[in-house]
Amino acid sequence: MSLRESEIQKEVLTQDRAFVALNVFQRLDTNRKMQLTSLDLVNFFRDNKLVVTEADCYMLVKQYDSNEDGFLSLHDVMMMLCPSNYSYSKNLVATAKHVNYAKKVPGLSHQMELAVV
């Protein structure tokens, strides 16, 4: 997939009113540790019937890991899912509704889950 095609897919995802980065992050962070590993990504893909190797997920984490600690933060996930010209403040406003991370948030809709994949 070209960079342009990737940016278009990210544009489509973020234009969906149901897209809230924190909800996506929480869906991936099933152990509530506030960081994602390559295994978290593998499990998400498996849940969606996609076979993606841990090595591929490791490379994805490495590509977007902004502080090089081996994990993805919420900010890293936003960088991964949002287009380069995206206004993060827009999504942070939506995310602010879910400030209490310990509180259970609604799961992603099937359509949103497939869009993230």
N, C-alpha and C. Protein backbone atom coordinates (compact mmCIF):
# COMPACT_ATOMS: atom_id res chain seq x y z
N MET A 1 0.85 -1.17 0.00
CA MET A 1 0.00 0.00 0.00
C MET A 1 0.90 1.24 0.00
N SER A 2 0.56 2.17 -0.84
CA SER A 2 1.36 3.40 -0.93
C SER A 2 1.04 4.33 0.24
N LEU A 3 1.91 5.28 0.46
CA LEU A 3 1.70 6.26 1.52
C LEU A 3 0.40 7.03 1.28
N ARG A 4 0.15 7.37 0.03
CA ARG A 4 -1.07 8.11 -0.33
C ARG A 4 -2.33 7.28 -0.01
N GLU A 5 -2.31 6.00 -0.36
CA GLU A 5 -3.46 5.13 -0.07
C GLU A 5 -3.67 5.01 1.45
N SER A 6 -2.58 4.91 2.18
CA SER A 6 -2.66 4.83 3.64
C SER A 6 -3.27 6.11 4.21
N GLU A 7 -2.85 7.25 3.71
CA GLU A 7 -3.40 8.53 4.19
C GLU A 7 -4.90 8.63 3.88
N ILE A 8 -5.31 8.14 2.72
CA ILE A 8 -6.74 8.17 2.37
C ILE A 8 -7.53 7.29 3.33
N GLN A 9 -7.03 6.10 3.63
CA GLN A 9 -7.72 5.22 4.57
C GLN A 9 -7.82 5.86 5.95
N LYS A 10 -6.75 6.54 6.37
CA LYS A 10 -6.77 7.22 7.67
C LYS A 10 -7.78 8.36 7.67
N GLU A 11 -7.87 9.08 6.56
CA GLU A 11 -8.86 10.16 6.43
C GLU A 11 -10.27 9.63 6.60
N VAL A 12 -10.56 8.53 5.93
CA VAL A 12 -11.89 7.92 6.00
C VAL A 12 -12.20 7.49 7.44
N LEU A 13 -11.24 6.86 8.08
CA LEU A 13 -11.44 6.40 9.46
C LEU A 13 -11.74 7.57 10.40
N THR A 14 -10.95 8.63 10.31
CA THR A 14 -11.11 9.73 11.26
C THR A 14 -12.31 10.61 10.97
N GLN A 15 -12.88 10.51 9.78
CA GLN A 15 -14.09 11.26 9.47
C GLN A 15 -15.33 10.59 10.04
N ASP A 16 -15.20 9.35 10.44
CA ASP A 16 -16.32 8.64 11.05
C ASP A 16 -16.58 9.23 12.44
N ARG A 17 -17.80 9.67 12.69
CA ARG A 17 -18.14 10.28 13.98
C ARG A 17 -17.94 9.33 15.15
N ALA A 18 -17.95 8.04 14.89
CA ALA A 18 -17.77 7.06 15.95
C ALA A 18 -16.30 6.87 16.35
N PHE A 19 -15.40 7.45 15.56
CA PHE A 19 -13.97 7.27 15.84
C PHE A 19 -13.55 8.10 17.04
N VAL A 20 -13.11 7.42 18.08
CA VAL A 20 -12.51 8.04 19.26
C VAL A 20 -11.24 7.24 19.55
N ALA A 21 -10.11 7.91 19.46
CA ALA A 21 -8.82 7.23 19.59
C ALA A 21 -8.71 6.45 20.90
N LEU A 22 -9.20 7.00 22.00
CA LEU A 22 -9.10 6.31 23.28
C LEU A 22 -9.89 5.00 23.26
N ASN A 23 -11.04 4.99 22.61
CA ASN A 23 -11.82 3.75 22.53
C ASN A 23 -11.04 2.68 21.77
N VAL A 24 -10.38 3.09 20.69
CA VAL A 24 -9.57 2.14 19.92
C VAL A 24 -8.42 1.64 20.79
N PHE A 25 -7.76 2.58 21.47
CA PHE A 25 -6.64 2.21 22.33
C PHE A 25 -7.08 1.24 23.43
N GLN A 26 -8.21 1.53 24.06
CA GLN A 26 -8.70 0.65 25.12
C GLN A 26 -9.09 -0.72 24.58
N ARG A 27 -9.60 -0.76 23.37
CA ARG A 27 -9.94 -2.05 22.76
C ARG A 27 -8.69 -2.90 22.59
N LEU A 28 -7.60 -2.25 22.23
CA LEU A 28 -6.33 -2.96 22.04
C LEU A 28 -5.66 -3.29 23.37
N ASP A 29 -5.82 -2.43 24.35
CA ASP A 29 -5.17 -2.57 25.66
C ASP A 29 -6.06 -3.36 26.60
N THR A 30 -6.22 -4.62 26.33
CA THR A 30 -7.15 -5.45 27.10
C THR A 30 -6.70 -5.67 28.54
N ASN A 31 -5.41 -5.52 28.82
CA ASN A 31 -4.90 -5.71 30.18
C ASN A 31 -4.83 -4.41 30.97
N ARG A 32 -5.28 -3.31 30.38
CA ARG A 32 -5.34 -1.99 31.02
C ARG A 32 -3.99 -1.57 31.60
N LYS A 33 -2.94 -1.69 30.80
CA LYS A 33 -1.61 -1.32 31.26
C LYS A 33 -1.14 0.01 30.67
N MET A 34 -2.00 0.68 29.91
CA MET A 34 -1.73 1.99 29.32
C MET A 34 -0.60 1.99 28.30
N GLN A 35 -0.30 0.83 27.76
CA GLN A 35 0.69 0.71 26.70
C GLN A 35 0.41 -0.57 25.94
N LEU A 36 0.76 -0.56 24.68
CA LEU A 36 0.49 -1.72 23.82
C LEU A 36 1.77 -2.40 23.40
N THR A 37 1.71 -3.72 23.32
CA THR A 37 2.83 -4.51 22.83
C THR A 37 2.44 -5.13 21.49
N SER A 38 3.41 -5.76 20.86
CA SER A 38 3.11 -6.44 19.60
C SER A 38 2.10 -7.57 19.83
N LEU A 39 2.11 -8.19 21.00
CA LEU A 39 1.14 -9.25 21.29
C LEU A 39 -0.28 -8.71 21.36
N ASP A 40 -0.45 -7.49 21.88
CA ASP A 40 -1.77 -6.87 21.90
C ASP A 40 -2.29 -6.71 20.47
N LEU A 41 -1.42 -6.31 19.57
CA LEU A 41 -1.82 -6.15 18.16
C LEU A 41 -2.14 -7.50 17.53
N VAL A 42 -1.32 -8.50 17.80
CA VAL A 42 -1.57 -9.85 17.27
C VAL A 42 -2.95 -10.33 17.71
N ASN A 43 -3.25 -10.16 18.99
CA ASN A 43 -4.55 -10.60 19.53
C ASN A 43 -5.71 -9.86 18.87
N PHE A 44 -5.55 -8.56 18.64
CA PHE A 44 -6.59 -7.79 17.97
C PHE A 44 -6.83 -8.32 16.56
N PHE A 45 -5.76 -8.55 15.83
CA PHE A 45 -5.91 -9.07 14.46
C PHE A 45 -6.54 -10.46 14.49
N ARG A 46 -6.14 -11.31 15.42
CA ARG A 46 -6.73 -12.66 15.52
C ARG A 46 -8.22 -12.57 15.83
N ASP A 47 -8.58 -11.67 16.73
CA ASP A 47 -9.99 -11.47 17.07
C ASP A 47 -10.80 -11.10 15.83
N ASN A 48 -10.15 -10.48 14.87
CA ASN A 48 -10.81 -10.05 13.64
C ASN A 48 -10.51 -10.99 12.47
N LYS A 49 -10.09 -12.20 12.81
CA LYS A 49 -9.89 -13.28 11.82
C LYS A 49 -8.80 -12.96 10.79
N LEU A 50 -7.79 -12.19 11.21
CA LEU A 50 -6.66 -11.89 10.34
C LEU A 50 -5.40 -12.52 10.93
N VAL A 51 -4.64 -13.15 10.08
CA VAL A 51 -3.39 -13.76 10.54
C VAL A 51 -2.26 -12.78 10.24
N VAL A 52 -1.75 -12.19 11.30
CA VAL A 52 -0.62 -11.27 11.22
C VAL A 52 0.41 -11.78 12.21
N THR A 53 1.63 -11.95 11.75
CA THR A 53 2.66 -12.52 12.62
C THR A 53 3.08 -11.54 13.71
N GLU A 54 3.63 -12.10 14.78
CA GLU A 54 4.13 -11.25 15.85
C GLU A 54 5.30 -10.41 15.33
N ALA A 55 6.09 -10.97 14.42
CA ALA A 55 7.21 -10.20 13.85
C ALA A 55 6.69 -8.97 13.10
N ASP A 56 5.61 -9.13 12.35
CA ASP A 56 5.02 -7.98 11.64
C ASP A 56 4.49 -6.95 12.63
N CYS A 57 3.85 -7.42 13.69
CA CYS A 57 3.33 -6.51 14.70
C CYS A 57 4.47 -5.82 15.45
N TYR A 58 5.54 -6.54 15.68
CA TYR A 58 6.71 -5.94 16.32
C TYR A 58 7.25 -4.80 15.46
N MET A 59 7.32 -5.02 14.15
CA MET A 59 7.80 -3.98 13.24
C MET A 59 6.86 -2.77 13.24
N LEU A 60 5.56 -3.03 13.35
CA LEU A 60 4.58 -1.95 13.43
C LEU A 60 4.78 -1.12 14.71
N VAL A 61 4.98 -1.82 15.82
CA VAL A 61 5.25 -1.13 17.08
C VAL A 61 6.53 -0.31 16.95
N LYS A 62 7.55 -0.92 16.41
CA LYS A 62 8.84 -0.23 16.27
C LYS A 62 8.70 1.03 15.39
N GLN A 63 7.90 0.94 14.35
CA GLN A 63 7.72 2.07 13.43
C GLN A 63 7.05 3.26 14.11
N TYR A 64 6.07 3.02 14.98
CA TYR A 64 5.29 4.10 15.58
C TYR A 64 5.65 4.42 17.03
N ASP A 65 6.57 3.70 17.61
CA ASP A 65 6.98 3.90 19.00
C ASP A 65 7.81 5.18 19.12
N SER A 66 7.17 6.27 19.50
CA SER A 66 7.82 7.59 19.47
C SER A 66 8.96 7.75 20.48
N ASN A 67 8.89 7.08 21.61
CA ASN A 67 9.96 7.23 22.60
C ASN A 67 10.87 6.00 22.66
N GLU A 68 10.69 5.08 21.74
CA GLU A 68 11.54 3.89 21.60
C GLU A 68 11.65 3.06 22.88
N ASP A 69 10.51 2.92 23.58
CA ASP A 69 10.51 2.09 24.79
C ASP A 69 9.97 0.68 24.52
N GLY A 70 9.61 0.40 23.26
CA GLY A 70 9.11 -0.93 22.92
C GLY A 70 7.61 -1.07 23.05
N PHE A 71 6.91 0.02 23.37
CA PHE A 71 5.47 0.00 23.55
C PHE A 71 4.83 1.13 22.76
N LEU A 72 3.54 1.00 22.51
CA LEU A 72 2.78 2.08 21.88
C LEU A 72 1.92 2.76 22.94
N SER A 73 1.97 4.06 22.97
CA SER A 73 1.13 4.87 23.85
C SER A 73 -0.11 5.30 23.08
N LEU A 74 -1.02 5.98 23.76
CA LEU A 74 -2.20 6.51 23.08
C LEU A 74 -1.77 7.45 21.96
N HIS A 75 -0.80 8.29 22.23
CA HIS A 75 -0.31 9.22 21.21
C HIS A 75 0.24 8.46 20.00
N ASP A 76 0.99 7.39 20.26
CA ASP A 76 1.53 6.58 19.16
C ASP A 76 0.42 5.98 18.31
N VAL A 77 -0.63 5.50 18.97
CA VAL A 77 -1.76 4.90 18.24
C VAL A 77 -2.45 5.97 17.40
N MET A 78 -2.57 7.17 17.94
CA MET A 78 -3.17 8.25 17.16
C MET A 78 -2.30 8.57 15.93
N MET A 79 -1.00 8.56 16.10
CA MET A 79 -0.09 8.79 14.97
C MET A 79 -0.24 7.69 13.92
N MET A 80 -0.50 6.47 14.39
CA MET A 80 -0.64 5.33 13.49
C MET A 80 -1.96 5.38 12.72
N LEU A 81 -3.03 5.81 13.37
CA LEU A 81 -4.36 5.73 12.77
C LEU A 81 -4.83 7.02 12.10
N CYS A 82 -4.23 8.13 12.44
CA CYS A 82 -4.72 9.42 11.95
C CYS A 82 -3.83 9.96 10.83
N PRO A 83 -4.42 10.65 9.87
CA PRO A 83 -3.63 11.22 8.77
C PRO A 83 -2.68 12.30 9.28
N SER A 84 -1.66 12.59 8.49
CA SER A 84 -0.63 13.54 8.91
C SER A 84 -1.17 14.95 9.14
N ASN A 85 -2.24 15.33 8.46
CA ASN A 85 -2.81 16.67 8.63
C ASN A 85 -3.97 16.70 9.63
N TYR A 86 -4.11 15.66 10.42
CA TYR A 86 -5.23 15.52 11.34
C TYR A 86 -5.10 16.47 12.52
N SER A 87 -6.19 17.04 12.93
CA SER A 87 -6.22 17.91 14.10
C SER A 87 -6.45 17.03 15.33
N TYR A 88 -5.39 16.79 16.07
CA TYR A 88 -5.50 15.94 17.25
C TYR A 88 -6.41 16.54 18.29
N SER A 89 -6.50 17.87 18.32
CA SER A 89 -7.36 18.51 19.32
C SER A 89 -8.81 18.08 19.13
N LYS A 90 -9.22 17.86 17.89
CA LYS A 90 -10.60 17.40 17.62
C LYS A 90 -10.85 16.06 18.30
N ASN A 91 -9.91 15.14 18.15
CA ASN A 91 -10.12 13.82 18.74
C ASN A 91 -9.88 13.86 20.24
N LEU A 92 -9.03 14.74 20.69
CA LEU A 92 -8.80 14.84 22.13
C LEU A 92 -10.04 15.36 22.84
N VAL A 93 -10.83 16.19 22.20
CA VAL A 93 -12.09 16.66 22.77
C VAL A 93 -13.02 15.45 22.95
N ALA A 94 -13.12 14.62 21.92
CA ALA A 94 -13.94 13.41 22.02
C ALA A 94 -13.37 12.47 23.06
N THR A 95 -12.04 12.37 23.12
CA THR A 95 -11.38 11.49 24.08
C THR A 95 -11.59 11.98 25.50
N ALA A 96 -11.65 13.29 25.70
CA ALA A 96 -11.81 13.86 27.04
C ALA A 96 -13.08 13.39 27.72
N LYS A 97 -14.06 12.96 26.94
CA LYS A 97 -15.30 12.43 27.53
C LYS A 97 -15.04 11.14 28.28
N HIS A 98 -13.89 10.51 28.00
CA HIS A 98 -13.57 9.21 28.59
C HIS A 98 -12.30 9.29 29.43
N VAL A 99 -12.16 10.39 30.18
CA VAL A 99 -10.92 10.64 30.92
C VAL A 99 -10.63 9.54 31.92
N ASN A 100 -11.64 9.00 32.58
CA ASN A 100 -11.42 7.97 33.59
C ASN A 100 -11.13 6.65 32.89
N TYR A 101 -9.84 6.36 32.72
CA TYR A 101 -9.43 5.18 31.96
C TYR A 101 -9.87 3.88 32.62
N ALA A 102 -9.96 3.87 33.94
CA ALA A 102 -10.36 2.65 34.66
C ALA A 102 -11.82 2.32 34.40
N LYS A 103 -12.58 3.32 34.07
CA LYS A 103 -14.00 3.12 33.80
C LYS A 103 -14.17 2.38 32.48
N LYS A 104 -15.05 1.44 32.46
CA LYS A 104 -15.28 0.68 31.24
C LYS A 104 -15.99 1.56 30.21
N VAL A 105 -15.43 1.60 29.01
CA VAL A 105 -16.05 2.37 27.94
C VAL A 105 -16.74 1.41 26.99
N PRO A 106 -17.68 1.91 26.22
CA PRO A 106 -18.35 1.03 25.27
C PRO A 106 -17.36 0.43 24.29
N GLY A 107 -17.57 -0.81 23.91
CA GLY A 107 -16.70 -1.45 22.92
C GLY A 107 -16.87 -0.80 21.56
N LEU A 108 -15.98 -1.13 20.68
CA LEU A 108 -16.08 -0.62 19.31
C LEU A 108 -17.18 -1.35 18.58
N SER A 109 -17.85 -0.65 17.72
CA SER A 109 -18.85 -1.31 16.86
C SER A 109 -18.10 -2.22 15.91
N HIS A 110 -18.80 -3.19 15.37
CA HIS A 110 -18.19 -4.12 14.42
C HIS A 110 -17.62 -3.35 13.23
N GLN A 111 -18.37 -2.37 12.76
CA GLN A 111 -17.93 -1.57 11.61
C GLN A 111 -16.65 -0.80 11.95
N MET A 112 -16.57 -0.21 13.14
CA MET A 112 -15.38 0.55 13.53
C MET A 112 -14.20 -0.40 13.71
N GLU A 113 -14.45 -1.55 14.27
CA GLU A 113 -13.37 -2.52 14.48
C GLU A 113 -12.76 -2.93 13.13
N LEU A 114 -13.60 -3.17 12.15
CA LEU A 114 -13.10 -3.53 10.82
C LEU A 114 -12.39 -2.36 10.16
N ALA A 115 -12.84 -1.14 10.43
CA ALA A 115 -12.18 0.03 9.84
C ALA A 115 -10.77 0.19 10.41
N VAL A 116 -10.62 -0.11 11.69
CA VAL A 116 -9.29 0.00 12.31
C VAL A 116 -8.34 -1.04 11.76
N VAL A 117 -8.87 -2.24 11.51
CA VAL A 117 -8.05 -3.31 10.95
C VAL A 117 -7.53 -2.86 9.62
